[in-house]
């Protein structure tokens, strides 16, 4: 079931319940009941969410010295792209939520869900 985060300062953000619960649990909140992030709490919340990016391992950038290689043509079924098996991290899922909170903070409006 999706959870919709709302603020009068920005558009709505719809997130799957499992992902919303994981993020809200970090903030000491729950997705199963209506909730609010007040403007006064937003600096603390953003600090927690921005901390996700620093805790996760970074991906090294692609080398600029090596030109990209075209895949070899074959009649066999092509293998799926290598990124297809990589899971989406919580820090990646948090990015739209962080933007929503930053915009709500700039507009001095709370973020609510479950209402």
N, C-alpha and C. Protein backbone atom coordinates (compact mmCIF):
# COMPACT_ATOMS: atom_id res chain seq x y z
N UNK A 1 0.84 -1.17 0.00
CA UNK A 1 0.00 0.00 0.00
C UNK A 1 0.90 1.25 0.00
N UNK A 2 0.62 2.19 -0.85
CA UNK A 2 1.48 3.39 -0.91
C UNK A 2 1.18 4.37 0.22
N UNK A 3 2.19 5.12 0.58
CA UNK A 3 2.08 6.20 1.57
C UNK A 3 2.31 7.50 0.80
N UNK A 4 1.43 8.47 1.01
CA UNK A 4 1.55 9.76 0.34
C UNK A 4 2.00 10.82 1.34
N UNK A 5 3.14 11.42 1.08
CA UNK A 5 3.64 12.53 1.89
C UNK A 5 3.16 13.82 1.23
N UNK A 6 2.60 14.73 2.04
CA UNK A 6 2.02 15.96 1.50
C UNK A 6 2.58 17.18 2.24
N UNK A 7 2.69 18.27 1.50
CA UNK A 7 3.04 19.56 2.07
C UNK A 7 2.46 20.63 1.17
N UNK A 8 2.01 21.71 1.77
CA UNK A 8 1.46 22.80 0.97
C UNK A 8 2.56 23.54 0.21
N UNK A 9 3.81 23.31 0.55
CA UNK A 9 4.92 23.99 -0.10
C UNK A 9 5.39 23.29 -1.37
N UNK A 10 4.93 22.06 -1.61
CA UNK A 10 5.41 21.29 -2.75
C UNK A 10 4.38 20.25 -3.15
N UNK A 11 4.67 19.52 -4.19
CA UNK A 11 3.78 18.45 -4.63
C UNK A 11 3.85 17.24 -3.71
N UNK A 12 2.95 16.31 -3.91
CA UNK A 12 2.91 15.09 -3.11
C UNK A 12 4.01 14.12 -3.53
N UNK A 13 4.42 13.29 -2.59
CA UNK A 13 5.39 12.23 -2.85
C UNK A 13 4.73 10.92 -2.45
N UNK A 14 4.61 10.00 -3.40
CA UNK A 14 4.03 8.68 -3.14
C UNK A 14 5.17 7.67 -3.05
N UNK A 15 5.17 6.89 -1.96
CA UNK A 15 6.23 5.92 -1.72
C UNK A 15 5.60 4.61 -1.26
N UNK A 16 6.17 3.49 -1.66
CA UNK A 16 5.68 2.21 -1.17
C UNK A 16 5.82 2.14 0.35
N UNK A 17 4.85 1.49 0.99
CA UNK A 17 4.81 1.47 2.44
C UNK A 17 6.09 0.92 3.07
N UNK A 18 6.64 -0.13 2.51
CA UNK A 18 7.86 -0.72 3.09
C UNK A 18 9.02 0.27 3.10
N UNK A 19 9.16 1.04 2.04
CA UNK A 19 10.25 2.02 1.96
C UNK A 19 9.97 3.21 2.87
N UNK A 20 8.71 3.66 2.91
CA UNK A 20 8.33 4.76 3.79
C UNK A 20 8.55 4.37 5.25
N UNK A 21 8.17 3.15 5.61
CA UNK A 21 8.36 2.69 6.99
C UNK A 21 9.84 2.66 7.37
N UNK A 22 10.68 2.23 6.45
CA UNK A 22 12.12 2.18 6.74
C UNK A 22 12.67 3.58 7.01
N UNK A 23 12.26 4.55 6.21
CA UNK A 23 12.74 5.92 6.41
C UNK A 23 12.15 6.53 7.68
N UNK A 24 10.86 6.33 7.89
CA UNK A 24 10.22 6.92 9.07
C UNK A 24 10.73 6.28 10.36
N UNK A 25 11.07 5.01 10.32
CA UNK A 25 11.62 4.33 11.50
C UNK A 25 12.93 5.01 11.92
N UNK A 26 13.74 5.44 10.96
CA UNK A 26 14.97 6.16 11.28
C UNK A 26 14.68 7.46 12.02
N UNK A 27 13.51 8.04 11.73
CA UNK A 27 13.13 9.32 12.31
C UNK A 27 12.34 9.15 13.60
N UNK A 28 12.09 7.90 14.00
CA UNK A 28 11.31 7.65 15.21
C UNK A 28 9.83 7.81 15.00
N UNK A 29 9.39 7.63 13.76
CA UNK A 29 7.97 7.78 13.42
C UNK A 29 7.48 6.50 12.77
N UNK A 30 6.18 6.42 12.50
CA UNK A 30 5.59 5.24 11.90
C UNK A 30 4.75 5.63 10.69
N UNK A 31 4.66 4.73 9.73
CA UNK A 31 3.85 4.98 8.53
C UNK A 31 2.45 4.43 8.69
N UNK A 32 2.20 3.65 9.75
CA UNK A 32 0.90 3.02 9.91
C UNK A 32 -0.14 3.96 10.49
N UNK A 33 0.28 5.09 11.04
CA UNK A 33 -0.64 6.08 11.60
C UNK A 33 -0.35 7.43 10.96
N UNK A 34 -1.34 8.31 10.93
CA UNK A 34 -1.07 9.66 10.41
C UNK A 34 0.07 10.31 11.20
N UNK A 35 0.87 11.07 10.49
CA UNK A 35 2.00 11.71 11.15
C UNK A 35 2.34 13.05 10.53
N UNK A 36 3.26 13.75 11.18
CA UNK A 36 3.67 15.07 10.72
C UNK A 36 5.14 15.28 11.06
N UNK A 37 5.82 15.99 10.17
CA UNK A 37 7.15 16.50 10.45
C UNK A 37 7.01 18.01 10.48
N UNK A 38 7.13 18.58 11.67
CA UNK A 38 6.99 20.02 11.84
C UNK A 38 8.23 20.73 11.29
N UNK A 39 8.06 21.99 10.92
CA UNK A 39 9.16 22.79 10.38
C UNK A 39 10.31 22.85 11.39
N UNK A 40 9.99 22.94 12.67
CA UNK A 40 11.04 23.01 13.70
C UNK A 40 11.85 21.72 13.80
N UNK A 41 11.28 20.59 13.37
CA UNK A 41 11.98 19.30 13.41
C UNK A 41 12.77 19.02 12.14
N UNK A 42 12.57 19.80 11.10
CA UNK A 42 13.17 19.49 9.80
C UNK A 42 14.69 19.51 9.79
N UNK A 43 15.37 20.43 10.49
CA UNK A 43 16.84 20.36 10.48
C UNK A 43 17.36 19.03 11.04
N UNK A 44 16.77 18.53 12.12
CA UNK A 44 17.17 17.25 12.70
C UNK A 44 16.88 16.11 11.74
N UNK A 45 15.69 16.12 11.13
CA UNK A 45 15.29 15.08 10.19
C UNK A 45 16.22 15.06 8.98
N UNK A 46 16.51 16.23 8.44
CA UNK A 46 17.41 16.30 7.28
C UNK A 46 18.82 15.82 7.65
N UNK A 47 19.26 16.12 8.85
CA UNK A 47 20.56 15.64 9.29
C UNK A 47 20.63 14.12 9.31
N UNK A 48 19.56 13.49 9.79
CA UNK A 48 19.50 12.02 9.82
C UNK A 48 19.49 11.47 8.40
N UNK A 49 18.66 12.04 7.54
CA UNK A 49 18.53 11.52 6.18
C UNK A 49 19.79 11.78 5.35
N UNK A 50 20.42 12.93 5.54
CA UNK A 50 21.68 13.20 4.82
C UNK A 50 22.78 12.27 5.32
N UNK A 51 22.69 11.82 6.55
CA UNK A 51 23.66 10.87 7.09
C UNK A 51 23.63 9.53 6.38
N UNK A 52 22.51 9.20 5.77
CA UNK A 52 22.42 7.95 5.00
C UNK A 52 23.45 7.93 3.89
N UNK A 53 23.65 9.05 3.23
CA UNK A 53 24.58 9.11 2.10
C UNK A 53 26.01 8.88 2.55
N UNK A 54 26.34 9.29 3.77
CA UNK A 54 27.71 9.15 4.24
C UNK A 54 27.99 7.76 4.80
N UNK A 55 26.95 7.07 5.24
CA UNK A 55 27.13 5.72 5.79
C UNK A 55 27.26 4.67 4.70
N UNK A 56 26.67 4.93 3.55
CA UNK A 56 26.65 3.93 2.47
C UNK A 56 27.96 4.00 1.69
N UNK A 57 28.40 2.88 1.16
CA UNK A 57 29.63 2.90 0.36
C UNK A 57 29.44 3.70 -0.93
N UNK A 58 30.48 4.38 -1.34
CA UNK A 58 30.38 5.17 -2.56
C UNK A 58 30.78 4.32 -3.76
N UNK A 59 30.26 4.70 -4.90
CA UNK A 59 30.58 4.00 -6.14
C UNK A 59 31.65 4.81 -6.86
N UNK A 60 32.78 4.21 -7.22
CA UNK A 60 33.82 4.98 -7.90
C UNK A 60 33.34 5.45 -9.27
N UNK A 61 33.70 6.67 -9.66
CA UNK A 61 33.28 7.15 -10.97
C UNK A 61 33.97 6.38 -12.09
N UNK A 62 33.35 6.36 -13.24
CA UNK A 62 33.92 5.68 -14.40
C UNK A 62 35.19 6.40 -14.83
N UNK A 63 36.13 5.66 -15.31
CA UNK A 63 37.39 6.24 -15.75
C UNK A 63 37.17 7.04 -17.03
N UNK A 64 37.74 8.23 -17.07
CA UNK A 64 37.61 9.07 -18.26
C UNK A 64 38.61 8.67 -19.33
N UNK A 65 39.64 7.90 -18.93
CA UNK A 65 40.68 7.50 -19.89
C UNK A 65 40.23 6.35 -20.79
N UNK A 66 39.27 5.58 -20.34
CA UNK A 66 38.85 4.40 -21.08
C UNK A 66 37.58 4.71 -21.86
N UNK A 67 37.63 4.66 -23.20
CA UNK A 67 36.41 4.92 -23.96
C UNK A 67 35.43 3.77 -23.79
N UNK A 68 34.12 4.06 -23.85
CA UNK A 68 33.14 2.99 -23.72
C UNK A 68 33.25 2.03 -24.89
N UNK A 69 33.02 0.75 -24.62
CA UNK A 69 33.10 -0.27 -25.66
C UNK A 69 31.70 -0.69 -26.06
N UNK A 70 31.51 -0.86 -27.35
CA UNK A 70 30.21 -1.32 -27.85
C UNK A 70 30.07 -2.80 -27.55
N UNK A 71 28.87 -3.24 -27.17
CA UNK A 71 28.69 -4.66 -26.91
C UNK A 71 28.83 -5.47 -28.19
N UNK A 72 29.34 -6.68 -28.07
CA UNK A 72 29.50 -7.56 -29.22
C UNK A 72 28.14 -8.04 -29.68
N UNK A 73 27.93 -8.03 -30.99
CA UNK A 73 26.65 -8.48 -31.54
C UNK A 73 26.62 -10.00 -31.56
N UNK A 74 25.47 -10.56 -31.19
CA UNK A 74 25.32 -12.01 -31.23
C UNK A 74 23.86 -12.35 -31.48
N UNK A 75 23.64 -13.58 -31.93
CA UNK A 75 22.28 -14.02 -32.19
C UNK A 75 21.60 -14.55 -30.93
N UNK A 76 22.38 -14.78 -29.87
CA UNK A 76 21.82 -15.31 -28.64
C UNK A 76 21.08 -14.20 -27.89
N UNK A 77 20.26 -14.63 -26.93
CA UNK A 77 19.59 -13.65 -26.08
C UNK A 77 20.64 -12.82 -25.36
N UNK A 78 20.39 -11.54 -25.29
CA UNK A 78 21.34 -10.66 -24.62
C UNK A 78 21.17 -10.77 -23.12
N UNK A 79 22.26 -10.67 -22.42
CA UNK A 79 22.23 -10.68 -20.96
C UNK A 79 21.63 -9.37 -20.46
N UNK A 80 20.96 -9.37 -19.32
CA UNK A 80 20.41 -8.12 -18.79
C UNK A 80 21.55 -7.17 -18.42
N UNK A 81 21.29 -5.88 -18.44
CA UNK A 81 22.32 -4.92 -18.05
C UNK A 81 22.81 -5.23 -16.64
N UNK A 82 24.09 -4.97 -16.36
CA UNK A 82 24.64 -5.33 -15.06
C UNK A 82 23.95 -4.63 -13.89
N UNK A 83 23.41 -3.44 -14.09
CA UNK A 83 22.77 -2.72 -13.00
C UNK A 83 21.41 -3.30 -12.62
N UNK A 84 20.87 -4.15 -13.45
CA UNK A 84 19.53 -4.67 -13.23
C UNK A 84 19.45 -5.53 -11.96
N UNK A 85 20.54 -6.16 -11.58
CA UNK A 85 20.54 -7.00 -10.39
C UNK A 85 20.92 -6.25 -9.13
N UNK A 86 21.30 -4.99 -9.25
CA UNK A 86 21.72 -4.22 -8.08
C UNK A 86 20.50 -3.69 -7.35
N UNK A 87 20.43 -3.89 -6.04
CA UNK A 87 19.30 -3.36 -5.28
C UNK A 87 19.39 -1.84 -5.16
N UNK A 88 18.25 -1.20 -4.99
CA UNK A 88 18.20 0.24 -4.77
C UNK A 88 18.40 0.47 -3.28
N UNK A 89 19.39 1.27 -2.93
CA UNK A 89 19.70 1.49 -1.52
C UNK A 89 18.69 2.43 -0.88
N UNK A 90 18.65 2.40 0.44
CA UNK A 90 17.75 3.27 1.18
C UNK A 90 18.12 4.74 0.96
N UNK A 91 19.42 5.01 0.81
CA UNK A 91 19.82 6.40 0.58
C UNK A 91 19.31 6.90 -0.77
N UNK A 92 19.23 6.01 -1.77
CA UNK A 92 18.68 6.41 -3.07
C UNK A 92 17.17 6.64 -2.96
N UNK A 93 16.51 5.80 -2.20
CA UNK A 93 15.07 5.95 -2.02
C UNK A 93 14.74 7.19 -1.21
N UNK A 94 15.68 7.63 -0.38
CA UNK A 94 15.46 8.80 0.47
C UNK A 94 15.58 10.11 -0.29
N UNK A 95 16.23 10.13 -1.44
CA UNK A 95 16.50 11.38 -2.16
C UNK A 95 15.24 12.20 -2.44
N UNK A 96 14.16 11.63 -2.98
CA UNK A 96 12.96 12.45 -3.20
C UNK A 96 12.34 12.94 -1.89
N UNK A 97 12.43 12.12 -0.84
CA UNK A 97 11.89 12.50 0.47
C UNK A 97 12.69 13.67 1.04
N UNK A 98 14.01 13.65 0.86
CA UNK A 98 14.86 14.75 1.31
C UNK A 98 14.49 16.03 0.57
N UNK A 99 14.32 15.94 -0.75
CA UNK A 99 13.94 17.13 -1.53
C UNK A 99 12.59 17.68 -1.07
N UNK A 100 11.64 16.80 -0.79
CA UNK A 100 10.33 17.24 -0.32
C UNK A 100 10.47 17.99 1.00
N UNK A 101 11.25 17.47 1.92
CA UNK A 101 11.42 18.12 3.22
C UNK A 101 12.15 19.44 3.07
N UNK A 102 13.16 19.49 2.22
CA UNK A 102 13.88 20.75 1.99
C UNK A 102 12.95 21.82 1.42
N UNK A 103 12.11 21.44 0.48
CA UNK A 103 11.17 22.40 -0.11
C UNK A 103 10.12 22.82 0.91
N UNK A 104 9.66 21.90 1.73
CA UNK A 104 8.69 22.23 2.77
C UNK A 104 9.32 23.17 3.80
N UNK A 105 10.56 22.93 4.14
CA UNK A 105 11.26 23.79 5.09
C UNK A 105 11.42 25.20 4.52
N UNK A 106 11.77 25.29 3.24
CA UNK A 106 11.92 26.60 2.60
C UNK A 106 10.59 27.35 2.57
N UNK A 107 9.49 26.62 2.40
CA UNK A 107 8.16 27.23 2.39
C UNK A 107 7.52 27.34 3.76
N UNK A 108 8.25 26.92 4.80
CA UNK A 108 7.76 26.97 6.18
C UNK A 108 6.43 26.22 6.35
N UNK A 109 6.34 25.04 5.74
CA UNK A 109 5.13 24.21 5.81
C UNK A 109 5.49 22.82 6.33
N UNK A 110 4.65 22.21 7.15
CA UNK A 110 4.92 20.86 7.63
C UNK A 110 4.71 19.81 6.54
N UNK A 111 5.24 18.62 6.77
CA UNK A 111 5.02 17.47 5.90
C UNK A 111 4.12 16.51 6.67
N UNK A 112 3.04 16.05 6.04
CA UNK A 112 2.10 15.14 6.70
C UNK A 112 1.93 13.88 5.85
N UNK A 113 1.45 12.81 6.48
CA UNK A 113 1.11 11.58 5.77
C UNK A 113 -0.02 10.89 6.54
N UNK A 114 -0.75 10.08 5.81
CA UNK A 114 -1.83 9.31 6.42
C UNK A 114 -3.08 10.11 6.73
N UNK A 115 -3.19 11.30 6.16
CA UNK A 115 -4.38 12.13 6.39
C UNK A 115 -5.18 12.29 5.12
